[in-house]
């Protein structure tokens, strides 16, 4: 099942989120059809999505204007000339492409993105709330297992931390 649902946003606004994982095949021109729910979630000032090679993993990261705004706000918090700011500007803003939908609801991934992230045939499109990622299908299978183990190991510690915070607040 693939879904994009509303979630409460800042100041009472509703934000649409990207959910689920689907496998898609890239065609010979590097085009991919994203779910209609993803297209609705990315709706914004232009008819398409913002994408760039992820700074977290070997995949393409994408989303709507809200994702762009999130990264821009993060960058704006850092002083001009800061090395982290420059790295983020170079990697995110310098690596970003605005990809428009064609009449069939497809986007065309830049060749450089496909080469950098190993995308050639079957890919996994992974909803991650305010963004989505496009992975090589095989690479994502391994990544998903690592993430599942990290979540399994980290959740008990997070719950303990939350219980302590609740007790301290009482």
N, C-alpha and C. Protein backbone atom coordinates (compact mmCIF):
# COMPACT_ATOMS: atom_id res chain seq x y z
N UNK A 1 0.84 -1.18 0.00
CA UNK A 1 0.00 0.00 0.00
C UNK A 1 0.88 1.24 0.00
N UNK A 2 0.58 2.20 -0.83
CA UNK A 2 1.32 3.46 -0.83
C UNK A 2 0.33 4.58 -0.53
N UNK A 3 0.77 5.46 0.34
CA UNK A 3 -0.15 6.48 0.82
C UNK A 3 0.62 7.75 1.09
N UNK A 4 -0.02 8.86 0.89
CA UNK A 4 0.46 10.14 1.39
C UNK A 4 -0.66 10.66 2.27
N UNK A 5 -0.39 10.96 3.53
CA UNK A 5 -1.43 11.36 4.46
C UNK A 5 -1.11 12.72 5.05
N UNK A 6 -2.16 13.37 5.54
CA UNK A 6 -1.98 14.64 6.22
C UNK A 6 -1.46 14.39 7.62
N UNK A 7 -0.61 15.29 8.10
CA UNK A 7 -0.18 15.26 9.48
C UNK A 7 -0.19 16.70 9.99
N UNK A 8 -0.39 16.89 11.29
CA UNK A 8 -0.39 18.26 11.81
C UNK A 8 0.96 18.91 11.58
N UNK A 9 0.94 20.13 11.11
CA UNK A 9 2.18 20.87 10.87
C UNK A 9 2.28 22.03 11.83
N UNK A 10 3.24 22.88 11.60
CA UNK A 10 3.45 24.05 12.44
C UNK A 10 2.27 25.01 12.31
N UNK A 11 1.95 25.67 13.39
CA UNK A 11 0.89 26.68 13.41
C UNK A 11 -0.44 26.16 12.88
N UNK A 12 -0.76 24.89 13.16
CA UNK A 12 -2.05 24.35 12.78
C UNK A 12 -2.17 23.96 11.32
N UNK A 13 -1.14 24.20 10.52
CA UNK A 13 -1.19 23.83 9.10
C UNK A 13 -1.11 22.32 8.96
N UNK A 14 -1.55 21.80 7.85
CA UNK A 14 -1.46 20.37 7.58
C UNK A 14 -0.36 20.15 6.54
N UNK A 15 0.50 19.19 6.79
CA UNK A 15 1.55 18.83 5.84
C UNK A 15 1.26 17.43 5.33
N UNK A 16 1.53 17.18 4.08
CA UNK A 16 1.33 15.87 3.50
C UNK A 16 2.65 15.12 3.59
N UNK A 17 2.57 13.84 3.95
CA UNK A 17 3.78 13.05 4.13
C UNK A 17 3.86 11.91 3.12
N UNK A 18 5.08 11.50 2.84
CA UNK A 18 5.34 10.39 1.93
C UNK A 18 5.46 9.11 2.76
N UNK A 19 4.67 8.09 2.42
CA UNK A 19 4.69 6.83 3.14
C UNK A 19 4.86 5.66 2.20
N UNK A 20 5.34 4.55 2.74
CA UNK A 20 5.43 3.26 2.08
C UNK A 20 6.69 3.12 1.23
N UNK A 21 6.87 1.92 0.69
CA UNK A 21 7.98 1.61 -0.20
C UNK A 21 7.43 0.87 -1.40
N UNK A 22 7.81 1.31 -2.58
CA UNK A 22 7.38 0.63 -3.79
C UNK A 22 8.60 0.41 -4.69
N UNK A 23 8.53 -0.62 -5.47
CA UNK A 23 9.59 -0.89 -6.45
C UNK A 23 9.09 -0.45 -7.81
N UNK A 24 9.98 0.21 -8.55
CA UNK A 24 9.66 0.70 -9.89
C UNK A 24 10.84 0.39 -10.80
N UNK A 25 10.57 0.35 -12.08
CA UNK A 25 11.64 0.13 -13.05
C UNK A 25 11.94 1.43 -13.77
N UNK A 26 13.23 1.77 -13.82
CA UNK A 26 13.66 2.91 -14.63
C UNK A 26 13.62 2.47 -16.09
N UNK A 27 13.13 3.34 -16.96
CA UNK A 27 13.17 2.99 -18.38
C UNK A 27 14.53 3.39 -18.95
N UNK A 28 14.72 3.16 -20.23
CA UNK A 28 16.02 3.42 -20.85
C UNK A 28 16.41 4.90 -20.84
N UNK A 29 15.44 5.78 -20.62
CA UNK A 29 15.73 7.22 -20.56
C UNK A 29 15.82 7.72 -19.12
N UNK A 30 15.91 6.80 -18.15
CA UNK A 30 16.02 7.10 -16.72
C UNK A 30 14.76 7.74 -16.15
N UNK A 31 13.62 7.43 -16.76
CA UNK A 31 12.34 7.96 -16.27
C UNK A 31 11.74 6.98 -15.27
N UNK A 32 11.05 7.55 -14.29
CA UNK A 32 10.39 6.75 -13.28
C UNK A 32 9.03 7.36 -12.99
N UNK A 33 8.04 6.52 -12.82
CA UNK A 33 6.70 6.98 -12.43
C UNK A 33 6.63 6.94 -10.91
N UNK A 34 6.38 8.10 -10.31
CA UNK A 34 6.16 8.14 -8.88
C UNK A 34 4.67 8.00 -8.60
N UNK A 35 4.31 7.42 -7.47
CA UNK A 35 2.88 7.25 -7.16
C UNK A 35 2.14 8.58 -7.19
N UNK A 36 0.89 8.54 -7.59
CA UNK A 36 0.08 9.76 -7.67
C UNK A 36 0.03 10.44 -6.30
N UNK A 37 0.05 9.66 -5.22
CA UNK A 37 0.03 10.26 -3.89
C UNK A 37 1.31 11.05 -3.63
N UNK A 38 2.43 10.59 -4.14
CA UNK A 38 3.69 11.33 -4.00
C UNK A 38 3.62 12.62 -4.80
N UNK A 39 3.02 12.54 -5.98
CA UNK A 39 2.90 13.75 -6.80
C UNK A 39 2.04 14.79 -6.09
N UNK A 40 0.97 14.33 -5.43
CA UNK A 40 0.11 15.25 -4.68
C UNK A 40 0.85 15.83 -3.49
N UNK A 41 1.64 15.00 -2.80
CA UNK A 41 2.37 15.45 -1.62
C UNK A 41 3.43 16.49 -1.98
N UNK A 42 3.98 16.40 -3.18
CA UNK A 42 5.04 17.31 -3.61
C UNK A 42 4.49 18.58 -4.26
N UNK A 43 3.18 18.69 -4.38
CA UNK A 43 2.58 19.84 -5.07
C UNK A 43 3.12 21.14 -4.46
N UNK A 44 3.44 22.07 -5.33
CA UNK A 44 3.99 23.33 -4.84
C UNK A 44 4.09 24.35 -5.95
N UNK A 45 5.14 25.17 -5.92
CA UNK A 45 5.26 26.29 -6.85
C UNK A 45 5.55 25.88 -8.29
N UNK A 46 5.93 24.63 -8.51
CA UNK A 46 6.11 24.15 -9.87
C UNK A 46 5.64 22.71 -9.92
N UNK A 47 5.44 22.17 -11.10
CA UNK A 47 4.86 20.85 -11.27
C UNK A 47 5.96 19.78 -11.30
N UNK A 48 6.48 19.44 -10.12
CA UNK A 48 7.54 18.45 -10.04
C UNK A 48 8.10 18.34 -8.64
N UNK A 49 9.32 17.84 -8.54
CA UNK A 49 9.97 17.63 -7.25
C UNK A 49 11.40 18.17 -7.28
N UNK A 50 11.93 18.41 -6.10
CA UNK A 50 13.33 18.75 -5.92
C UNK A 50 14.06 17.45 -5.58
N UNK A 51 15.15 17.15 -6.26
CA UNK A 51 15.93 15.93 -5.99
C UNK A 51 17.42 16.26 -5.96
N UNK A 52 18.16 15.47 -5.19
CA UNK A 52 19.61 15.60 -5.14
C UNK A 52 20.19 14.31 -4.59
N UNK A 53 21.48 14.04 -4.86
CA UNK A 53 22.11 12.87 -4.25
C UNK A 53 22.15 13.07 -2.73
N UNK A 54 21.62 12.13 -2.00
CA UNK A 54 21.51 12.24 -0.55
C UNK A 54 22.88 12.41 0.09
N UNK A 55 22.91 13.17 1.19
CA UNK A 55 24.14 13.30 1.96
C UNK A 55 24.19 12.26 3.07
N UNK A 56 23.11 11.48 3.22
CA UNK A 56 23.03 10.46 4.27
C UNK A 56 23.36 9.06 3.77
N UNK A 57 23.12 8.80 2.49
CA UNK A 57 23.25 7.43 1.98
C UNK A 57 23.43 7.47 0.47
N UNK A 58 23.65 6.31 -0.12
CA UNK A 58 23.86 6.19 -1.57
C UNK A 58 22.51 6.09 -2.28
N UNK A 59 21.78 7.18 -2.29
CA UNK A 59 20.46 7.21 -2.91
C UNK A 59 20.16 8.64 -3.35
N UNK A 60 19.07 8.80 -4.07
CA UNK A 60 18.58 10.13 -4.45
C UNK A 60 17.51 10.51 -3.43
N UNK A 61 17.59 11.72 -2.93
CA UNK A 61 16.60 12.22 -1.99
C UNK A 61 15.72 13.21 -2.73
N UNK A 62 14.43 13.20 -2.43
CA UNK A 62 13.53 14.11 -3.11
C UNK A 62 12.35 14.52 -2.25
N UNK A 63 11.67 15.54 -2.71
CA UNK A 63 10.48 16.01 -2.02
C UNK A 63 9.98 17.28 -2.67
N UNK A 64 9.02 17.88 -2.02
CA UNK A 64 8.44 19.11 -2.52
C UNK A 64 9.15 20.34 -1.97
N UNK A 65 8.51 21.46 -2.08
CA UNK A 65 9.07 22.74 -1.63
C UNK A 65 9.38 22.71 -0.14
N UNK A 66 8.59 21.97 0.65
CA UNK A 66 8.84 21.89 2.09
C UNK A 66 10.21 21.30 2.38
N UNK A 67 10.63 20.31 1.60
CA UNK A 67 11.96 19.73 1.79
C UNK A 67 13.04 20.76 1.47
N UNK A 68 12.89 21.45 0.35
CA UNK A 68 13.82 22.50 -0.03
C UNK A 68 13.91 23.54 1.10
N UNK A 69 12.75 23.97 1.61
CA UNK A 69 12.71 24.98 2.67
C UNK A 69 13.40 24.48 3.94
N UNK A 70 13.25 23.20 4.26
CA UNK A 70 13.89 22.63 5.45
C UNK A 70 15.41 22.73 5.34
N UNK A 71 15.94 22.32 4.20
CA UNK A 71 17.39 22.41 4.02
C UNK A 71 17.86 23.86 3.98
N UNK A 72 17.11 24.74 3.34
CA UNK A 72 17.50 26.14 3.28
C UNK A 72 17.54 26.75 4.67
N UNK A 73 16.54 26.42 5.51
CA UNK A 73 16.52 26.94 6.88
C UNK A 73 17.71 26.42 7.69
N UNK A 74 18.04 25.16 7.50
CA UNK A 74 19.19 24.58 8.18
C UNK A 74 20.48 25.30 7.78
N UNK A 75 20.63 25.54 6.50
CA UNK A 75 21.81 26.25 5.98
C UNK A 75 21.85 27.68 6.51
N UNK A 76 20.69 28.34 6.52
CA UNK A 76 20.63 29.74 6.97
C UNK A 76 20.99 29.93 8.44
N UNK A 77 20.90 28.86 9.24
CA UNK A 77 21.27 28.94 10.65
C UNK A 77 22.77 29.08 10.84
N UNK A 78 23.54 28.69 9.85
CA UNK A 78 24.99 28.73 9.94
C UNK A 78 25.53 30.04 9.37
N UNK A 79 26.60 30.57 9.96
CA UNK A 79 27.15 31.83 9.45
C UNK A 79 27.79 31.66 8.07
N UNK A 80 27.72 32.72 7.28
CA UNK A 80 28.36 32.72 5.96
C UNK A 80 29.84 32.41 6.14
N UNK A 81 30.36 31.51 5.31
CA UNK A 81 31.76 31.14 5.38
C UNK A 81 32.04 29.94 6.27
N UNK A 82 31.07 29.52 7.08
CA UNK A 82 31.23 28.34 7.92
C UNK A 82 31.45 27.12 7.02
N UNK A 83 32.37 26.25 7.40
CA UNK A 83 32.70 25.11 6.53
C UNK A 83 31.53 24.15 6.37
N UNK A 84 30.74 23.94 7.42
CA UNK A 84 29.58 23.06 7.29
C UNK A 84 28.54 23.70 6.37
N UNK A 85 28.35 25.02 6.51
CA UNK A 85 27.40 25.71 5.62
C UNK A 85 27.83 25.53 4.16
N UNK A 86 29.10 25.73 3.89
CA UNK A 86 29.59 25.59 2.52
C UNK A 86 29.42 24.16 2.03
N UNK A 87 29.68 23.19 2.88
CA UNK A 87 29.50 21.78 2.50
C UNK A 87 28.04 21.49 2.18
N UNK A 88 27.12 21.99 3.00
CA UNK A 88 25.69 21.77 2.75
C UNK A 88 25.23 22.50 1.49
N UNK A 89 25.70 23.74 1.30
CA UNK A 89 25.34 24.48 0.09
C UNK A 89 25.81 23.74 -1.15
N UNK A 90 27.04 23.24 -1.10
CA UNK A 90 27.60 22.53 -2.24
C UNK A 90 26.87 21.22 -2.50
N UNK A 91 26.67 20.44 -1.45
CA UNK A 91 26.07 19.11 -1.60
C UNK A 91 24.58 19.15 -1.88
N UNK A 92 23.86 19.99 -1.15
CA UNK A 92 22.39 20.01 -1.28
C UNK A 92 21.96 20.98 -2.38
N UNK A 93 22.25 22.25 -2.19
CA UNK A 93 21.79 23.24 -3.16
C UNK A 93 22.50 23.08 -4.50
N UNK A 94 23.81 22.88 -4.47
CA UNK A 94 24.57 22.71 -5.70
C UNK A 94 24.26 21.41 -6.42
N UNK A 95 23.83 20.40 -5.67
CA UNK A 95 23.50 19.11 -6.26
C UNK A 95 22.04 18.94 -6.62
N UNK A 96 21.22 19.93 -6.27
CA UNK A 96 19.77 19.79 -6.44
C UNK A 96 19.33 20.06 -7.88
N UNK A 97 18.32 19.31 -8.28
CA UNK A 97 17.69 19.52 -9.59
C UNK A 97 16.18 19.59 -9.40
N UNK A 98 15.55 20.50 -10.12
CA UNK A 98 14.09 20.55 -10.15
C UNK A 98 13.64 19.65 -11.30
N UNK A 99 12.95 18.58 -10.96
CA UNK A 99 12.51 17.61 -11.96
C UNK A 99 11.00 17.74 -12.15
N UNK A 100 10.60 18.08 -13.35
CA UNK A 100 9.17 18.28 -13.65
C UNK A 100 8.52 16.98 -14.09
N UNK A 101 7.23 16.86 -13.83
CA UNK A 101 6.45 15.71 -14.28
C UNK A 101 6.22 15.81 -15.77
N UNK A 102 6.29 14.70 -16.47
CA UNK A 102 5.86 14.69 -17.86
C UNK A 102 4.36 14.34 -17.87
N UNK A 103 3.71 14.34 -19.03
CA UNK A 103 2.26 14.07 -19.06
C UNK A 103 1.86 12.71 -18.47
N UNK A 104 2.78 11.76 -18.43
CA UNK A 104 2.48 10.44 -17.87
C UNK A 104 2.79 10.36 -16.37
N UNK A 105 3.20 11.47 -15.74
CA UNK A 105 3.50 11.48 -14.32
C UNK A 105 4.88 10.97 -13.97
N UNK A 106 5.79 11.02 -14.94
CA UNK A 106 7.16 10.54 -14.72
C UNK A 106 8.10 11.72 -14.51
N UNK A 107 9.20 11.43 -13.81
CA UNK A 107 10.32 12.36 -13.75
C UNK A 107 11.50 11.65 -14.41
N UNK A 108 12.41 12.43 -14.95
CA UNK A 108 13.63 11.87 -15.55
C UNK A 108 14.79 12.18 -14.62
N UNK A 109 15.40 11.13 -14.09
CA UNK A 109 16.53 11.31 -13.19
C UNK A 109 17.77 11.69 -14.00
N UNK A 110 18.52 12.70 -13.56
CA UNK A 110 19.76 13.05 -14.26
C UNK A 110 20.72 11.86 -14.28
N UNK A 111 21.43 11.73 -15.37
CA UNK A 111 22.38 10.63 -15.53
C UNK A 111 23.40 10.62 -14.39
N UNK A 112 23.87 11.80 -13.99
CA UNK A 112 24.87 11.88 -12.91
C UNK A 112 24.31 11.30 -11.61
N UNK A 113 23.03 11.54 -11.30
CA UNK A 113 22.42 10.98 -10.10
C UNK A 113 22.42 9.46 -10.17
N UNK A 114 22.03 8.93 -11.33
CA UNK A 114 21.95 7.48 -11.50
C UNK A 114 23.32 6.83 -11.35
N UNK A 115 24.33 7.46 -11.94
CA UNK A 115 25.70 6.92 -11.84
C UNK A 115 26.19 6.98 -10.40
N UNK A 116 25.98 8.10 -9.74
CA UNK A 116 26.47 8.29 -8.38
C UNK A 116 25.81 7.33 -7.39
N UNK A 117 24.54 7.01 -7.62
CA UNK A 117 23.78 6.20 -6.66
C UNK A 117 23.55 4.77 -7.14
N UNK A 118 24.12 4.39 -8.27
CA UNK A 118 23.99 3.02 -8.76
C UNK A 118 22.59 2.65 -9.20
N UNK A 119 21.86 3.60 -9.77
CA UNK A 119 20.50 3.35 -10.23
C UNK A 119 20.53 2.99 -11.70
N UNK A 120 20.07 1.77 -12.03
CA UNK A 120 20.12 1.38 -13.44
C UNK A 120 18.87 0.66 -13.93
N UNK A 121 18.26 -0.15 -13.13
CA UNK A 121 17.11 -0.92 -13.59
C UNK A 121 15.97 -0.79 -12.58
N UNK A 122 15.88 -1.72 -11.65
CA UNK A 122 14.84 -1.66 -10.64
C UNK A 122 15.30 -0.81 -9.47
N UNK A 123 14.39 0.06 -9.00
CA UNK A 123 14.69 0.93 -7.87
C UNK A 123 13.58 0.81 -6.84
N UNK A 124 13.91 1.16 -5.61
CA UNK A 124 12.93 1.23 -4.53
C UNK A 124 12.71 2.69 -4.21
N UNK A 125 11.44 3.10 -4.19
CA UNK A 125 11.07 4.47 -3.82
C UNK A 125 10.52 4.38 -2.40
N UNK A 126 11.19 5.07 -1.48
CA UNK A 126 10.93 4.91 -0.05
C UNK A 126 10.39 6.21 0.53
N UNK A 127 9.14 6.18 1.01
CA UNK A 127 8.56 7.33 1.67
C UNK A 127 9.15 7.49 3.05
N UNK A 128 9.55 8.72 3.38
CA UNK A 128 10.19 8.99 4.66
C UNK A 128 9.58 10.21 5.35
N UNK A 129 8.27 10.32 5.27
CA UNK A 129 7.60 11.44 5.93
C UNK A 129 7.61 12.67 5.06
N UNK A 130 8.54 13.59 5.33
CA UNK A 130 8.59 14.85 4.58
C UNK A 130 9.43 14.75 3.31
N UNK A 131 9.91 13.55 3.01
CA UNK A 131 10.76 13.36 1.84
C UNK A 131 10.64 11.91 1.37
N UNK A 132 11.26 11.63 0.25
CA UNK A 132 11.35 10.25 -0.21
C UNK A 132 12.76 10.01 -0.71
N UNK A 133 13.14 8.74 -0.80
CA UNK A 133 14.45 8.38 -1.33
C UNK A 133 14.26 7.37 -2.45
N UNK A 134 15.15 7.42 -3.44
CA UNK A 134 15.16 6.46 -4.54
C UNK A 134 16.48 5.70 -4.46
N UNK A 135 16.38 4.40 -4.26
CA UNK A 135 17.52 3.52 -4.05
C UNK A 135 17.59 2.48 -5.16
N UNK A 136 18.79 1.96 -5.40
CA UNK A 136 18.92 0.71 -6.14
C UNK A 136 18.17 -0.33 -5.30
N UNK A 137 17.38 -1.17 -5.95
CA UNK A 137 16.56 -2.13 -5.22
C UNK A 137 17.41 -3.01 -4.30
N UNK A 138 18.52 -3.52 -4.80
CA UNK A 138 19.38 -4.39 -4.00
C UNK A 138 20.03 -3.63 -2.84
N UNK A 139 20.50 -2.43 -3.11
CA UNK A 139 21.13 -1.63 -2.05
C UNK A 139 20.13 -1.31 -0.96
N UNK A 140 18.88 -1.04 -1.35
CA UNK A 140 17.87 -0.71 -0.33
C UNK A 140 17.55 -1.92 0.54
N UNK A 141 17.52 -3.11 -0.04
CA UNK A 141 17.23 -4.30 0.77
C UNK A 141 18.24 -4.43 1.91
N UNK A 142 19.51 -4.21 1.61
CA UNK A 142 20.55 -4.28 2.65
C UNK A 142 20.41 -3.11 3.64
N UNK A 143 20.14 -1.92 3.12
CA UNK A 143 19.98 -0.74 3.97
C UNK A 143 18.79 -0.90 4.91
N UNK A 144 17.68 -1.42 4.37
CA UNK A 144 16.47 -1.59 5.19
C UNK A 144 16.77 -2.52 6.37
N UNK A 145 17.50 -3.58 6.14
CA UNK A 145 17.82 -4.51 7.23
C UNK A 145 18.69 -3.83 8.29
N UNK A 146 19.68 -3.05 7.86
CA UNK A 146 20.53 -2.32 8.83
C UNK A 146 19.69 -1.32 9.63
N UNK A 147 18.79 -0.62 8.96
CA UNK A 147 17.95 0.36 9.64
C UNK A 147 16.98 -0.30 10.61
N UNK A 148 16.47 -1.45 10.22
CA UNK A 148 15.56 -2.20 11.09
C UNK A 148 16.29 -2.61 12.37
N UNK A 149 17.52 -3.08 12.24
CA UNK A 149 18.30 -3.47 13.40
C UNK A 149 18.62 -2.25 14.27
N UNK A 150 18.98 -1.13 13.66
CA UNK A 150 19.27 0.09 14.42
C UNK A 150 18.03 0.56 15.18
N UNK A 151 16.86 0.50 14.54
CA UNK A 151 15.61 0.89 15.20
C UNK A 151 15.30 -0.05 16.36
N UNK A 152 15.49 -1.35 16.12
CA UNK A 152 15.22 -2.35 17.15
C UNK A 152 16.12 -2.12 18.36
N UNK A 153 17.38 -1.78 18.12
CA UNK A 153 18.33 -1.56 19.22
C UNK A 153 18.11 -0.20 19.88
N UNK A 154 17.73 0.80 19.12
CA UNK A 154 17.61 2.15 19.66
C UNK A 154 16.30 2.45 20.35
N UNK A 155 15.23 1.76 20.01
CA UNK A 155 13.92 2.08 20.57
C UNK A 155 13.85 1.89 22.08
N UNK A 156 14.36 0.81 22.64
CA UNK A 156 14.31 0.69 24.11
C UNK A 156 15.01 1.83 24.83
N UNK A 157 16.15 2.28 24.31
CA UNK A 157 16.87 3.40 24.93
C UNK A 157 16.05 4.69 24.83
N UNK A 158 15.41 4.90 23.70
CA UNK A 158 14.57 6.08 23.53
C UNK A 158 13.40 6.06 24.50
N UNK A 159 12.75 4.91 24.63
CA UNK A 159 11.63 4.79 25.57
C UNK A 159 12.07 5.06 27.00
N UNK A 160 13.23 4.54 27.40
CA UNK A 160 13.75 4.77 28.75
C UNK A 160 14.01 6.26 28.96
N UNK A 161 14.58 6.91 27.97
CA UNK A 161 14.84 8.36 28.04
C UNK A 161 13.54 9.13 28.21
N UNK A 162 12.51 8.75 27.45
CA UNK A 162 11.20 9.42 27.55
C UNK A 162 10.58 9.23 28.92
N UNK A 163 10.70 8.01 29.48
CA UNK A 163 10.15 7.76 30.82
C UNK A 163 10.86 8.62 31.85
N UNK A 164 12.18 8.73 31.75
CA UNK A 164 12.95 9.55 32.68
C UNK A 164 12.55 11.02 32.58
N UNK A 165 12.36 11.51 31.38
CA UNK A 165 11.95 12.90 31.17
C UNK A 165 10.57 13.14 31.75
N UNK A 166 9.68 12.18 31.61
CA UNK A 166 8.32 12.31 32.14
C UNK A 166 8.34 12.35 33.65
N UNK A 167 9.16 11.49 34.26
CA UNK A 167 9.28 11.46 35.73
C UNK A 167 9.90 12.77 36.22
N UNK A 168 10.91 13.26 35.55
CA UNK A 168 11.58 14.50 35.96
C UNK A 168 10.64 15.70 35.84
N UNK A 169 9.73 15.67 34.87
CA UNK A 169 8.79 16.78 34.66
C UNK A 169 7.66 16.76 35.70
N UNK A 170 7.47 15.63 36.38
CA UNK A 170 6.36 15.52 37.36
C UNK A 170 6.70 16.13 38.67
